[in-house]
Every structure is written in C-alpha cells, then in structure tokens.
Amino acid sequence: MYVNIGADIVMSAKNIIGVFDLDLLSAESVQPTNLKLLKMYEDSGFLHIIGDKIPRMAVLTLTGVWLSPLSPETLRQRLEKS
C-alpha cells in the first residue's frame, strides 16, 4: 500500500516507522533532544522538507525523516483508506 505524505511524495506504508506531531515534538520538556536528532538527520542529508508551508508532522521512515505540512490526522485517514 502506498500513501501520499505531502506534495508529490508517495511512499510505501511499510517504510513508515512513525508519525509525529511537530507541536508535541516542540514541547519544552522534549525539545532539546528532538532538535539534536533533527540536526543529526539534517547534517547526514536524511532530513527532507516537503513543500513551502510550515511543517506539521515528522514522518520517520527507513530512508530518513520527512517534514510534511499535512497533519498527522490527515495521514492517519489516508492510511486507513488505503
């Protein structure tokens, strides 16, 4: 099953490890750790930003982290329909 995670990016649902709401990831209690992790992915070339809009979710995959303007709820609905 394939799912669109934003813009023209389509991937196999089997490759998705986790979907994270960026509002929750930016909470003060977890922010330093998450920023270090995202920086590590960015420095390694495995952080991908989808589109021009402000990202609302992070999709952790086998090939890196994708920041998408879709809401996690929208992706959940797309996965359920597929």
N, C-alpha and C. Protein backbone atom coordinates (compact mmCIF):
# COMPACT_ATOMS: atom_id res chain seq x y z
N MET A 1 0.84 -1.17 0.00
CA MET A 1 0.00 0.00 0.00
C MET A 1 0.89 1.24 0.00
N TYR A 2 0.55 2.21 -0.82
CA TYR A 2 1.30 3.46 -0.93
C TYR A 2 0.45 4.61 -0.42
N VAL A 3 1.12 5.61 0.14
CA VAL A 3 0.40 6.75 0.70
C VAL A 3 1.15 8.03 0.35
N ASN A 4 0.38 9.09 0.07
CA ASN A 4 0.94 10.41 -0.20
C ASN A 4 1.17 11.08 1.15
N ILE A 5 2.43 11.49 1.42
CA ILE A 5 2.72 12.13 2.70
C ILE A 5 2.83 13.66 2.57
N GLY A 6 2.50 14.17 1.39
CA GLY A 6 2.51 15.61 1.17
C GLY A 6 3.12 15.94 -0.18
N ALA A 7 2.61 16.98 -0.79
CA ALA A 7 3.04 17.41 -2.13
C ALA A 7 2.99 16.21 -3.07
N ASP A 8 4.09 15.90 -3.74
CA ASP A 8 4.12 14.78 -4.68
C ASP A 8 4.89 13.59 -4.12
N ILE A 9 5.05 13.53 -2.81
CA ILE A 9 5.83 12.46 -2.19
C ILE A 9 4.92 11.30 -1.83
N VAL A 10 5.15 10.17 -2.48
CA VAL A 10 4.38 8.96 -2.23
C VAL A 10 5.36 7.87 -1.82
N MET A 11 5.02 7.13 -0.77
CA MET A 11 5.90 6.06 -0.33
C MET A 11 5.09 4.88 0.18
N SER A 12 5.76 3.76 0.26
CA SER A 12 5.13 2.56 0.77
C SER A 12 4.89 2.72 2.27
N ALA A 13 3.70 2.34 2.70
CA ALA A 13 3.38 2.43 4.13
C ALA A 13 4.29 1.54 4.95
N LYS A 14 4.83 0.51 4.34
CA LYS A 14 5.75 -0.40 5.04
C LYS A 14 7.04 0.31 5.47
N ASN A 15 7.39 1.38 4.77
CA ASN A 15 8.61 2.12 5.10
C ASN A 15 8.42 3.13 6.23
N ILE A 16 7.18 3.39 6.62
CA ILE A 16 6.92 4.38 7.67
C ILE A 16 7.08 3.71 9.04
N ILE A 17 8.00 4.26 9.82
CA ILE A 17 8.26 3.75 11.16
C ILE A 17 7.38 4.46 12.18
N GLY A 18 7.23 5.78 12.01
CA GLY A 18 6.42 6.56 12.95
C GLY A 18 6.03 7.90 12.38
N VAL A 19 4.94 8.44 12.91
CA VAL A 19 4.43 9.76 12.52
C VAL A 19 4.31 10.58 13.79
N PHE A 20 4.89 11.77 13.78
CA PHE A 20 4.95 12.58 14.99
C PHE A 20 4.42 13.98 14.74
N ASP A 21 3.58 14.44 15.63
CA ASP A 21 3.02 15.79 15.58
C ASP A 21 4.12 16.76 16.00
N LEU A 22 4.47 17.70 15.15
CA LEU A 22 5.55 18.64 15.46
C LEU A 22 5.20 19.56 16.62
N ASP A 23 3.93 19.82 16.87
CA ASP A 23 3.56 20.62 18.03
C ASP A 23 3.97 19.91 19.32
N LEU A 24 3.81 18.60 19.35
CA LEU A 24 4.20 17.82 20.54
C LEU A 24 5.71 17.68 20.64
N LEU A 25 6.38 17.56 19.49
CA LEU A 25 7.84 17.44 19.50
C LEU A 25 8.53 18.71 19.94
N SER A 26 7.85 19.84 19.81
CA SER A 26 8.47 21.11 20.17
C SER A 26 8.18 21.53 21.61
N ALA A 27 7.51 20.66 22.37
CA ALA A 27 7.25 20.97 23.78
C ALA A 27 8.58 21.15 24.51
N GLU A 28 8.62 22.08 25.44
CA GLU A 28 9.86 22.42 26.13
C GLU A 28 10.53 21.22 26.79
N SER A 29 9.76 20.28 27.29
CA SER A 29 10.34 19.15 28.02
C SER A 29 11.12 18.19 27.12
N VAL A 30 10.81 18.16 25.82
CA VAL A 30 11.50 17.24 24.92
C VAL A 30 12.23 17.94 23.78
N GLN A 31 12.11 19.24 23.71
CA GLN A 31 12.66 19.98 22.58
C GLN A 31 14.17 19.80 22.37
N PRO A 32 15.02 19.90 23.40
CA PRO A 32 16.47 19.78 23.13
C PRO A 32 16.86 18.44 22.49
N THR A 33 16.29 17.37 22.96
CA THR A 33 16.60 16.06 22.41
C THR A 33 16.13 15.96 20.96
N ASN A 34 14.93 16.41 20.70
CA ASN A 34 14.39 16.34 19.34
C ASN A 34 15.16 17.23 18.38
N LEU A 35 15.56 18.39 18.83
CA LEU A 35 16.34 19.28 17.96
C LEU A 35 17.69 18.65 17.62
N LYS A 36 18.31 17.97 18.58
CA LYS A 36 19.58 17.28 18.31
C LYS A 36 19.37 16.17 17.28
N LEU A 37 18.31 15.43 17.42
CA LEU A 37 18.02 14.34 16.50
C LEU A 37 17.77 14.88 15.08
N LEU A 38 16.94 15.92 14.97
CA LEU A 38 16.66 16.51 13.65
C LEU A 38 17.92 17.09 13.03
N LYS A 39 18.76 17.71 13.86
CA LYS A 39 20.03 18.27 13.37
C LYS A 39 20.93 17.15 12.86
N MET A 40 20.95 16.01 13.55
CA MET A 40 21.75 14.88 13.11
C MET A 40 21.29 14.38 11.74
N TYR A 41 19.96 14.26 11.58
CA TYR A 41 19.42 13.84 10.28
C TYR A 41 19.74 14.87 9.20
N GLU A 42 19.63 16.15 9.53
CA GLU A 42 19.92 17.20 8.55
C GLU A 42 21.39 17.16 8.13
N ASP A 43 22.29 17.04 9.09
CA ASP A 43 23.73 17.00 8.79
C ASP A 43 24.10 15.79 7.94
N SER A 44 23.36 14.70 8.11
CA SER A 44 23.62 13.47 7.36
C SER A 44 22.94 13.46 5.99
N GLY A 45 22.10 14.46 5.72
CA GLY A 45 21.40 14.52 4.44
C GLY A 45 20.14 13.68 4.40
N PHE A 46 19.64 13.30 5.57
CA PHE A 46 18.46 12.45 5.64
C PHE A 46 17.21 13.19 6.15
N LEU A 47 17.26 14.52 6.21
CA LEU A 47 16.10 15.32 6.59
C LEU A 47 15.55 15.95 5.33
N HIS A 48 14.28 15.68 5.04
CA HIS A 48 13.64 16.16 3.82
C HIS A 48 12.44 17.02 4.19
N ILE A 49 12.38 18.22 3.65
CA ILE A 49 11.26 19.14 3.91
C ILE A 49 10.37 19.15 2.68
N ILE A 50 9.10 18.85 2.89
CA ILE A 50 8.14 18.75 1.80
C ILE A 50 7.39 20.08 1.65
N GLY A 51 7.46 20.68 0.50
CA GLY A 51 6.69 21.88 0.19
C GLY A 51 7.22 23.14 0.85
N ASP A 52 6.44 24.22 0.67
CA ASP A 52 6.83 25.54 1.17
C ASP A 52 6.12 25.92 2.47
N LYS A 53 5.10 25.16 2.84
CA LYS A 53 4.32 25.51 4.03
C LYS A 53 5.02 25.03 5.29
N ILE A 54 4.58 25.57 6.42
CA ILE A 54 5.15 25.19 7.71
C ILE A 54 4.84 23.72 7.98
N PRO A 55 5.86 22.92 8.31
CA PRO A 55 5.62 21.50 8.59
C PRO A 55 4.77 21.30 9.84
N ARG A 56 3.87 20.31 9.77
CA ARG A 56 3.01 19.99 10.91
C ARG A 56 3.29 18.61 11.49
N MET A 57 4.00 17.78 10.69
CA MET A 57 4.32 16.46 11.21
C MET A 57 5.68 16.01 10.68
N ALA A 58 6.28 15.09 11.42
CA ALA A 58 7.51 14.44 11.01
C ALA A 58 7.18 12.98 10.75
N VAL A 59 7.61 12.50 9.60
CA VAL A 59 7.40 11.10 9.25
C VAL A 59 8.76 10.43 9.26
N LEU A 60 8.96 9.51 10.21
CA LEU A 60 10.20 8.77 10.31
C LEU A 60 10.09 7.53 9.44
N THR A 61 11.03 7.39 8.50
CA THR A 61 10.99 6.27 7.55
C THR A 61 12.33 5.54 7.57
N LEU A 62 12.40 4.49 6.78
CA LEU A 62 13.65 3.75 6.65
C LEU A 62 14.72 4.56 5.93
N THR A 63 14.30 5.62 5.23
CA THR A 63 15.24 6.43 4.45
C THR A 63 15.48 7.82 5.02
N GLY A 64 14.94 8.13 6.19
CA GLY A 64 15.16 9.43 6.80
C GLY A 64 13.90 9.99 7.43
N VAL A 65 13.94 11.28 7.67
CA VAL A 65 12.81 11.99 8.28
C VAL A 65 12.26 12.98 7.26
N TRP A 66 10.96 12.94 7.08
CA TRP A 66 10.27 13.83 6.15
C TRP A 66 9.40 14.79 6.96
N LEU A 67 9.60 16.10 6.80
CA LEU A 67 8.76 17.10 7.46
C LEU A 67 7.68 17.51 6.47
N SER A 68 6.43 17.29 6.86
CA SER A 68 5.30 17.48 5.95
C SER A 68 4.32 18.52 6.49
N PRO A 69 3.70 19.28 5.58
CA PRO A 69 2.69 20.24 6.01
C PRO A 69 1.35 19.59 6.35
N LEU A 70 1.20 18.31 6.06
CA LEU A 70 -0.05 17.62 6.42
C LEU A 70 -0.13 17.42 7.93
N SER A 71 -1.33 17.30 8.43
CA SER A 71 -1.49 16.98 9.85
C SER A 71 -1.36 15.46 10.02
N PRO A 72 -0.94 15.01 11.19
CA PRO A 72 -0.88 13.57 11.45
C PRO A 72 -2.23 12.90 11.25
N GLU A 73 -3.30 13.60 11.57
CA GLU A 73 -4.65 13.05 11.41
C GLU A 73 -4.97 12.79 9.93
N THR A 74 -4.56 13.69 9.06
CA THR A 74 -4.78 13.51 7.63
C THR A 74 -4.06 12.26 7.13
N LEU A 75 -2.82 12.08 7.57
CA LEU A 75 -2.07 10.89 7.15
C LEU A 75 -2.73 9.62 7.70
N ARG A 76 -3.18 9.67 8.94
CA ARG A 76 -3.87 8.51 9.51
C ARG A 76 -5.09 8.14 8.67
N GLN A 77 -5.87 9.11 8.27
CA GLN A 77 -7.04 8.86 7.45
C GLN A 77 -6.67 8.27 6.09
N ARG A 78 -5.60 8.78 5.50
CA ARG A 78 -5.14 8.25 4.21
C ARG A 78 -4.70 6.79 4.35
N LEU A 79 -4.02 6.49 5.44
CA LEU A 79 -3.57 5.11 5.66
C LEU A 79 -4.75 4.17 5.88
N GLU A 80 -5.78 4.65 6.57
CA GLU A 80 -6.97 3.81 6.82
C GLU A 80 -7.74 3.54 5.53
N LYS A 81 -7.75 4.51 4.61
CA LYS A 81 -8.47 4.35 3.35
C LYS A 81 -7.75 3.40 2.39
N SER A 82 -6.44 3.33 2.51
CA SER A 82 -5.64 2.52 1.59
C SER A 82 -5.78 1.04 1.87
